[in-house]
Amino acid sequence: MKIVGLQAVYTAFSHIFFIVLTFWAIRSLRFDALIKRDHVPQAQLILVFLAIAIGYNVSSFFLSLVEQAHNFIYLLH
């Protein structure tokens, strides 16, 4: 049970880390031309959702990659 709890902690940490990292990277892009006047809150919400979607997928990719690298041990036996 401890292993499951530990896995939940590093999965949650990984998701949050990659979401924050993606949000930081997205903020460097210029979306000024795409945003209509008086629609800044909606544009900010879209950027947050975009960061969540991309960050979650990147985190899932890296967690899957680590899991598959761990499973290579069974190939050698």
PDB file of N, CA and C in Angstrom:
ATOM      1  N   MET A   1       0.810  -1.193   0.000  1.00  0.00           N
ATOM      2  CA  MET A   1       0.000   0.000   0.000  1.00  0.00           C
ATOM      3  C   MET A   1       0.856   1.260   0.000  1.00  0.00           C
ATOM      4  N   LYS A   2       2.028   1.188   0.642  1.00  0.00           N
ATOM      5  CA  LYS A   2       2.908   2.347   0.653  1.00  0.00           C
ATOM      6  C   LYS A   2       3.370   2.705  -0.752  1.00  0.00           C
ATOM      7  N   ILE A   3       3.601   1.691  -1.572  1.00  0.00           N
ATOM      8  CA  ILE A   3       4.061   1.931  -2.943  1.00  0.00           C
ATOM      9  C   ILE A   3       2.991   2.656  -3.745  1.00  0.00           C
ATOM     10  N   VAL A   4       1.735   2.272  -3.559  1.00  0.00           N
ATOM     11  CA  VAL A   4       0.630   2.927  -4.263  1.00  0.00           C
ATOM     12  C   VAL A   4       0.523   4.389  -3.832  1.00  0.00           C
ATOM     13  N   GLY A   5       0.672   4.650  -2.550  1.00  0.00           N
ATOM     14  CA  GLY A   5       0.633   6.017  -2.045  1.00  0.00           C
ATOM     15  C   GLY A   5       1.784   6.849  -2.573  1.00  0.00           C
ATOM     16  N   LEU A   6       2.963   6.256  -2.620  1.00  0.00           N
ATOM     17  CA  LEU A   6       4.130   6.951  -3.143  1.00  0.00           C
ATOM     18  C   LEU A   6       3.964   7.245  -4.625  1.00  0.00           C
ATOM     19  N   GLN A   7       3.417   6.297  -5.351  1.00  0.00           N
ATOM     20  CA  GLN A   7       3.164   6.504  -6.775  1.00  0.00           C
ATOM     21  C   GLN A   7       2.161   7.635  -6.996  1.00  0.00           C
ATOM     22  N   ALA A   8       1.149   7.711  -6.159  1.00  0.00           N
ATOM     23  CA  ALA A   8       0.166   8.794  -6.265  1.00  0.00           C
ATOM     24  C   ALA A   8       0.819  10.148  -6.012  1.00  0.00           C
ATOM     25  N   VAL A   9       1.743  10.205  -5.074  1.00  0.00           N
ATOM     26  CA  VAL A   9       2.425  11.466  -4.761  1.00  0.00           C
ATOM     27  C   VAL A   9       3.284  11.913  -5.936  1.00  0.00           C
ATOM     28  N   TYR A  10       4.107  11.023  -6.485  1.00  0.00           N
ATOM     29  CA  TYR A  10       4.964  11.498  -7.574  1.00  0.00           C
ATOM     30  C   TYR A  10       4.192  11.697  -8.868  1.00  0.00           C
ATOM     31  N   THR A  11       3.059  11.029  -9.051  1.00  0.00           N
ATOM     32  CA  THR A  11       2.211  11.306 -10.209  1.00  0.00           C
ATOM     33  C   THR A  11       1.588  12.688 -10.093  1.00  0.00           C
ATOM     34  N   ALA A  12       1.053  13.021  -8.922  1.00  0.00           N
ATOM     35  CA  ALA A  12       0.454  14.339  -8.712  1.00  0.00           C
ATOM     36  C   ALA A  12       1.514  15.428  -8.840  1.00  0.00           C
ATOM     37  N   PHE A  13       2.690  15.207  -8.257  1.00  0.00           N
ATOM     38  CA  PHE A  13       3.768  16.181  -8.369  1.00  0.00           C
ATOM     39  C   PHE A  13       4.191  16.377  -9.820  1.00  0.00           C
ATOM     40  N   SER A  14       4.286  15.283 -10.567  1.00  0.00           N
ATOM     41  CA  SER A  14       4.673  15.364 -11.972  1.00  0.00           C
ATOM     42  C   SER A  14       3.653  16.156 -12.781  1.00  0.00           C
ATOM     43  N   HIS A  15       2.372  15.869 -12.566  1.00  0.00           N
ATOM     44  CA  HIS A  15       1.329  16.602 -13.293  1.00  0.00           C
ATOM     45  C   HIS A  15       1.393  18.095 -12.988  1.00  0.00           C
ATOM     46  N   ILE A  16       1.497  18.441 -11.718  1.00  0.00           N
ATOM     47  CA  ILE A  16       1.536  19.854 -11.331  1.00  0.00           C
ATOM     48  C   ILE A  16       2.791  20.525 -11.888  1.00  0.00           C
ATOM     49  N   PHE A  17       3.913  19.845 -11.798  1.00  0.00           N
ATOM     50  CA  PHE A  17       5.168  20.400 -12.309  1.00  0.00           C
ATOM     51  C   PHE A  17       5.072  20.705 -13.797  1.00  0.00           C
ATOM     52  N   PHE A  18       4.585  19.749 -14.584  1.00  0.00           N
ATOM     53  CA  PHE A  18       4.529  19.954 -16.030  1.00  0.00           C
ATOM     54  C   PHE A  18       3.435  20.947 -16.429  1.00  0.00           C
ATOM     55  N   ILE A  19       2.363  21.036 -15.670  1.00  0.00           N
ATOM     56  CA  ILE A  19       1.338  22.044 -15.948  1.00  0.00           C
ATOM     57  C   ILE A  19       1.899  23.446 -15.702  1.00  0.00           C
ATOM     58  N   VAL A  20       2.593  23.628 -14.591  1.00  0.00           N
ATOM     59  CA  VAL A  20       3.203  24.929 -14.290  1.00  0.00           C
ATOM     60  C   VAL A  20       4.274  25.266 -15.329  1.00  0.00           C
ATOM     61  N   LEU A  21       5.086  24.295 -15.702  1.00  0.00           N
ATOM     62  CA  LEU A  21       6.124  24.513 -16.701  1.00  0.00           C
ATOM     63  C   LEU A  21       5.513  24.884 -18.053  1.00  0.00           C
ATOM     64  N   THR A  22       4.442  24.223 -18.436  1.00  0.00           N
ATOM     65  CA  THR A  22       3.765  24.531 -19.692  1.00  0.00           C
ATOM     66  C   THR A  22       3.138  25.917 -19.650  1.00  0.00           C
ATOM     67  N   PHE A  23       2.517  26.272 -18.523  1.00  0.00           N
ATOM     68  CA  PHE A  23       1.931  27.602 -18.394  1.00  0.00           C
ATOM     69  C   PHE A  23       3.007  28.672 -18.518  1.00  0.00           C
ATOM     70  N   TRP A  24       4.153  28.437 -17.904  1.00  0.00           N
ATOM     71  CA  TRP A  24       5.268  29.375 -17.988  1.00  0.00           C
ATOM     72  C   TRP A  24       5.727  29.531 -19.440  1.00  0.00           C
ATOM     73  N   ALA A  25       5.794  28.422 -20.166  1.00  0.00           N
ATOM     74  CA  ALA A  25       6.232  28.474 -21.565  1.00  0.00           C
ATOM     75  C   ALA A  25       5.188  29.140 -22.455  1.00  0.00           C
ATOM     76  N   ILE A  26       3.914  28.867 -22.221  1.00  0.00           N
ATOM     77  CA  ILE A  26       2.847  29.445 -23.040  1.00  0.00           C
ATOM     78  C   ILE A  26       2.798  30.959 -22.875  1.00  0.00           C
ATOM     79  N   ARG A  27       3.105  31.441 -21.686  1.00  0.00           N
ATOM     80  CA  ARG A  27       3.052  32.887 -21.439  1.00  0.00           C
ATOM     81  C   ARG A  27       4.093  33.645 -22.250  1.00  0.00           C
ATOM     82  N   SER A  28       5.094  32.954 -22.777  1.00  0.00           N
ATOM     83  CA  SER A  28       6.106  33.624 -23.594  1.00  0.00           C
ATOM     84  C   SER A  28       5.608  33.878 -25.019  1.00  0.00           C
ATOM     85  N   LEU A  29       4.533  33.208 -25.413  1.00  0.00           N
ATOM     86  CA  LEU A  29       3.973  33.414 -26.747  1.00  0.00           C
ATOM     87  C   LEU A  29       3.120  34.671 -26.777  1.00  0.00           C
ATOM     88  N   ARG A  30       3.010  35.261 -27.932  1.00  0.00           N
ATOM     89  CA  ARG A  30       2.212  36.481 -28.078  1.00  0.00           C
ATOM     90  C   ARG A  30       0.857  36.134 -28.677  1.00  0.00           C
ATOM     91  N   PHE A  31      -0.160  36.218 -27.860  1.00  0.00           N
ATOM     92  CA  PHE A  31      -1.519  35.959 -28.310  1.00  0.00           C
ATOM     93  C   PHE A  31      -2.304  37.261 -28.484  1.00  0.00           C
ATOM     94  N   ASP A  32      -1.604  38.389 -28.492  1.00  0.00           N
ATOM     95  CA  ASP A  32      -2.268  39.693 -28.566  1.00  0.00           C
ATOM     96  C   ASP A  32      -3.159  39.826 -29.794  1.00  0.00           C
ATOM     97  N   ALA A  33      -2.675  39.334 -30.920  1.00  0.00           N
ATOM     98  CA  ALA A  33      -3.432  39.483 -32.163  1.00  0.00           C
ATOM     99  C   ALA A  33      -4.680  38.609 -32.183  1.00  0.00           C
ATOM    100  N   LEU A  34      -4.699  37.560 -31.397  1.00  0.00           N
ATOM    101  CA  LEU A  34      -5.833  36.640 -31.395  1.00  0.00           C
ATOM    102  C   LEU A  34      -6.943  37.039 -30.419  1.00  0.00           C
ATOM    103  N   ILE A  35      -6.616  37.899 -29.466  1.00  0.00           N
ATOM    104  CA  ILE A  35      -7.568  38.245 -28.413  1.00  0.00           C
ATOM    105  C   ILE A  35      -8.392  39.455 -28.837  1.00  0.00           C
ATOM    106  N   LYS A  36      -9.701  39.302 -28.768  1.00  0.00           N
ATOM    107  CA  LYS A  36     -10.583  40.433 -29.035  1.00  0.00           C
ATOM    108  C   LYS A  36     -10.555  41.386 -27.837  1.00  0.00           C
ATOM    109  N   ARG A  37     -10.853  42.617 -28.106  1.00  0.00           N
ATOM    110  CA  ARG A  37     -10.913  43.597 -27.035  1.00  0.00           C
ATOM    111  C   ARG A  37     -11.995  43.227 -26.042  1.00  0.00           C
ATOM    112  N   ASP A  38     -11.755  43.471 -24.796  1.00  0.00           N
ATOM    113  CA  ASP A  38     -12.693  43.196 -23.699  1.00  0.00           C
ATOM    114  C   ASP A  38     -12.941  41.704 -23.483  1.00  0.00           C
ATOM    115  N   HIS A  39     -12.070  40.845 -23.990  1.00  0.00           N
ATOM    116  CA  HIS A  39     -12.202  39.407 -23.780  1.00  0.00           C
ATOM    117  C   HIS A  39     -10.931  38.816 -23.157  1.00  0.00           C
ATOM    118  N   VAL A  40     -10.242  39.611 -22.395  1.00  0.00           N
ATOM    119  CA  VAL A  40      -8.990  39.177 -21.773  1.00  0.00           C
ATOM    120  C   VAL A  40      -9.215  38.049 -20.761  1.00  0.00           C
ATOM    121  N   PRO A  41     -10.244  38.105 -19.887  1.00  0.00           N
ATOM    122  CA  PRO A  41     -10.433  36.990 -18.942  1.00  0.00           C
ATOM    123  C   PRO A  41     -10.697  35.654 -19.642  1.00  0.00           C
ATOM    124  N   GLN A  42     -11.452  35.681 -20.729  1.00  0.00           N
ATOM    125  CA  GLN A  42     -11.711  34.453 -21.469  1.00  0.00           C
ATOM    126  C   GLN A  42     -10.416  33.918 -22.092  1.00  0.00           C
ATOM    127  N   ALA A  43      -9.588  34.806 -22.606  1.00  0.00           N
ATOM    128  CA  ALA A  43      -8.320  34.389 -23.194  1.00  0.00           C
ATOM    129  C   ALA A  43      -7.391  33.805 -22.136  1.00  0.00           C
ATOM    130  N   GLN A  44      -7.389  34.395 -20.946  1.00  0.00           N
ATOM    131  CA  GLN A  44      -6.561  33.866 -19.863  1.00  0.00           C
ATOM    132  C   GLN A  44      -7.038  32.483 -19.437  1.00  0.00           C
ATOM    133  N   LEU A  45      -8.348  32.289 -19.415  1.00  0.00           N
ATOM    134  CA  LEU A  45      -8.899  30.979 -19.059  1.00  0.00           C
ATOM    135  C   LEU A  45      -8.521  29.929 -20.099  1.00  0.00           C
ATOM    136  N   ILE A  46      -8.559  30.303 -21.359  1.00  0.00           N
ATOM    137  CA  ILE A  46      -8.156  29.374 -22.418  1.00  0.00           C
ATOM    138  C   ILE A  46      -6.681  29.007 -22.273  1.00  0.00           C
ATOM    139  N   LEU A  47      -5.841  29.984 -21.917  1.00  0.00           N
ATOM    140  CA  LEU A  47      -4.419  29.694 -21.721  1.00  0.00           C
ATOM    141  C   LEU A  47      -4.207  28.732 -20.555  1.00  0.00           C
ATOM    142  N   VAL A  48      -4.982  28.896 -19.489  1.00  0.00           N
ATOM    143  CA  VAL A  48      -4.878  27.978 -18.345  1.00  0.00           C
ATOM    144  C   VAL A  48      -5.311  26.569 -18.762  1.00  0.00           C
ATOM    145  N   PHE A  49      -6.433  26.466 -19.480  1.00  0.00           N
ATOM    146  CA  PHE A  49      -6.900  25.150 -19.931  1.00  0.00           C
ATOM    147  C   PHE A  49      -5.914  24.512 -20.905  1.00  0.00           C
ATOM    148  N   LEU A  50      -5.328  25.313 -21.766  1.00  0.00           N
ATOM    149  CA  LEU A  50      -4.336  24.807 -22.707  1.00  0.00           C
ATOM    150  C   LEU A  50      -3.103  24.299 -21.962  1.00  0.00           C
ATOM    151  N   ALA A  51      -2.683  25.031 -20.943  1.00  0.00           N
ATOM    152  CA  ALA A  51      -1.535  24.603 -20.140  1.00  0.00           C
ATOM    153  C   ALA A  51      -1.844  23.302 -19.404  1.00  0.00           C
ATOM    154  N   ILE A  52      -3.060  23.171 -18.894  1.00  0.00           N
ATOM    155  CA  ILE A  52      -3.444  21.933 -18.203  1.00  0.00           C
ATOM    156  C   ILE A  52      -3.441  20.759 -19.173  1.00  0.00           C
ATOM    157  N   ALA A  53      -4.028  20.954 -20.345  1.00  0.00           N
ATOM    158  CA  ALA A  53      -4.108  19.865 -21.326  1.00  0.00           C
ATOM    159  C   ALA A  53      -2.721  19.431 -21.794  1.00  0.00           C
ATOM    160  N   ILE A  54      -1.883  20.386 -22.158  1.00  0.00           N
ATOM    161  CA  ILE A  54      -0.542  20.038 -22.642  1.00  0.00           C
ATOM    162  C   ILE A  54       0.319  19.485 -21.511  1.00  0.00           C
ATOM    163  N   GLY A  55       0.283  20.134 -20.345  1.00  0.00           N
ATOM    164  CA  GLY A  55       1.096  19.678 -19.214  1.00  0.00           C
ATOM    165  C   GLY A  55       0.727  18.291 -18.744  1.00  0.00           C
ATOM    166  N   TYR A  56      -0.571  17.994 -18.707  1.00  0.00           N
ATOM    167  CA  TYR A  56      -1.016  16.661 -18.298  1.00  0.00           C
ATOM    168  C   TYR A  56      -0.523  15.601 -19.284  1.00  0.00           C
ATOM    169  N   ASN A  57      -0.624  15.893 -20.574  1.00  0.00           N
ATOM    170  CA  ASN A  57      -0.178  14.921 -21.578  1.00  0.00           C
ATOM    171  C   ASN A  57       1.328  14.715 -21.551  1.00  0.00           C
ATOM    172  N   VAL A  58       2.085  15.778 -21.363  1.00  0.00           N
ATOM    173  CA  VAL A  58       3.545  15.647 -21.265  1.00  0.00           C
ATOM    174  C   VAL A  58       3.916  14.856 -20.015  1.00  0.00           C
ATOM    175  N   SER A  59       3.253  15.144 -18.909  1.00  0.00           N
ATOM    176  CA  SER A  59       3.511  14.410 -17.671  1.00  0.00           C
ATOM    177  C   SER A  59       3.172  12.933 -17.832  1.00  0.00           C
ATOM    178  N   SER A  60       2.044  12.643 -18.443  1.00  0.00           N
ATOM    179  CA  SER A  60       1.651  11.247 -18.670  1.00  0.00           C
ATOM    180  C   SER A  60       2.674  10.537 -19.548  1.00  0.00           C
ATOM    181  N   PHE A  61       3.181  11.237 -20.550  1.00  0.00           N
ATOM    182  CA  PHE A  61       4.205  10.657 -21.421  1.00  0.00           C
ATOM    183  C   PHE A  61       5.452  10.295 -20.616  1.00  0.00           C
ATOM    184  N   PHE A  62       5.941  11.228 -19.800  1.00  0.00           N
ATOM    185  CA  PHE A  62       7.152  10.950 -19.035  1.00  0.00           C
ATOM    186  C   PHE A  62       6.938   9.868 -17.982  1.00  0.00           C
ATOM    187  N   LEU A  63       5.770   9.852 -17.337  1.00  0.00           N
ATOM    188  CA  LEU A  63       5.498   8.791 -16.366  1.00  0.00           C
ATOM    189  C   LEU A  63       5.433   7.431 -17.053  1.00  0.00           C
ATOM    190  N   SER A  64       4.833   7.387 -18.226  1.00  0.00           N
ATOM    191  CA  SER A  64       4.774   6.138 -18.995  1.00  0.00           C
ATOM    192  C   SER A  64       6.168   5.715 -19.442  1.00  0.00           C
ATOM    193  N   LEU A  65       6.977   6.672 -19.840  1.00  0.00           N
ATOM    194  CA  LEU A  65       8.340   6.371 -20.256  1.00  0.00           C
ATOM    195  C   LEU A  65       9.155   5.782 -19.103  1.00  0.00           C
ATOM    196  N   VAL A  66       9.011   6.359 -17.923  1.00  0.00           N
ATOM    197  CA  VAL A  66       9.720   5.838 -16.743  1.00  0.00           C
ATOM    198  C   VAL A  66       9.237   4.431 -16.412  1.00  0.00           C
ATOM    199  N   GLU A  67       7.921   4.224 -16.491  1.00  0.00           N
ATOM    200  CA  GLU A  67       7.362   2.898 -16.196  1.00  0.00           C
ATOM    201  C   GLU A  67       7.865   1.858 -17.195  1.00  0.00           C
ATOM    202  N   GLN A  68       7.911   2.216 -18.462  1.00  0.00           N
ATOM    203  CA  GLN A  68       8.386   1.271 -19.471  1.00  0.00           C
ATOM    204  C   GLN A  68       9.879   1.010 -19.328  1.00  0.00           C
ATOM    205  N   ALA A  69      10.641   2.018 -18.958  1.00  0.00           N
ATOM    206  CA  ALA A  69      12.070   1.814 -18.720  1.00  0.00           C
ATOM    207  C   ALA A  69      12.281   0.882 -17.532  1.00  0.00           C
ATOM    208  N   HIS A  70      11.430   0.988 -16.545  1.00  0.00           N
ATOM    209  CA  HIS A  70      11.506   0.091 -15.391  1.00  0.00           C
ATOM    210  C   HIS A  70      11.176  -1.347 -15.802  1.00  0.00           C
ATOM    211  N   ASN A  71      10.284  -1.512 -16.759  1.00  0.00           N
ATOM    212  CA  ASN A  71       9.883  -2.847 -17.207  1.00  0.00           C
ATOM    213  C   ASN A  71      10.911  -3.519 -18.118  1.00  0.00           C
ATOM    214  N   PHE A  72      11.929  -2.789 -18.574  1.00  0.00           N
ATOM    215  CA  PHE A  72      12.967  -3.387 -19.398  1.00  0.00           C
ATOM    216  C   PHE A  72      13.741  -4.463 -18.631  1.00  0.00           C
ATOM    217  N   ILE A  73      13.694  -4.396 -17.317  1.00  0.00           N
ATOM    218  CA  ILE A  73      14.379  -5.395 -16.482  1.00  0.00           C
ATOM    219  C   ILE A  73      13.857  -6.798 -16.803  1.00  0.00           C
ATOM    220  N   TYR A  74      12.562  -6.904 -17.036  1.00  0.00           N
ATOM    221  CA  TYR A  74      11.964  -8.198 -17.312  1.00  0.00           C
ATOM    222  C   TYR A  74      12.365  -8.766 -18.662  1.00  0.00           C
ATOM    223  N   LEU A  75      12.789  -7.922 -19.572  1.00  0.00           N
ATOM    224  CA  LEU A  75      13.247  -8.366 -20.867  1.00  0.00           C
ATOM    225  C   LEU A  75      14.595  -9.069 -20.763  1.00  0.00           C
ATOM    226  N   LEU A  76      15.401  -8.663 -19.796  1.00  0.00           N
ATOM    227  CA  LEU A  76      16.730  -9.224 -19.640  1.00  0.00           C
ATOM    228  C   LEU A  76      16.777 -10.534 -18.862  1.00  0.00           C
ATOM    229  N   HIS A  77      15.680 -10.884 -18.221  1.00  0.00           N
ATOM    230  CA  HIS A  77      15.672 -12.130 -17.437  1.00  0.00           C
ATOM    231  C   HIS A  77      15.291 -13.308 -18.264  1.00  0.00           C
TER     232      HIS A  77
END
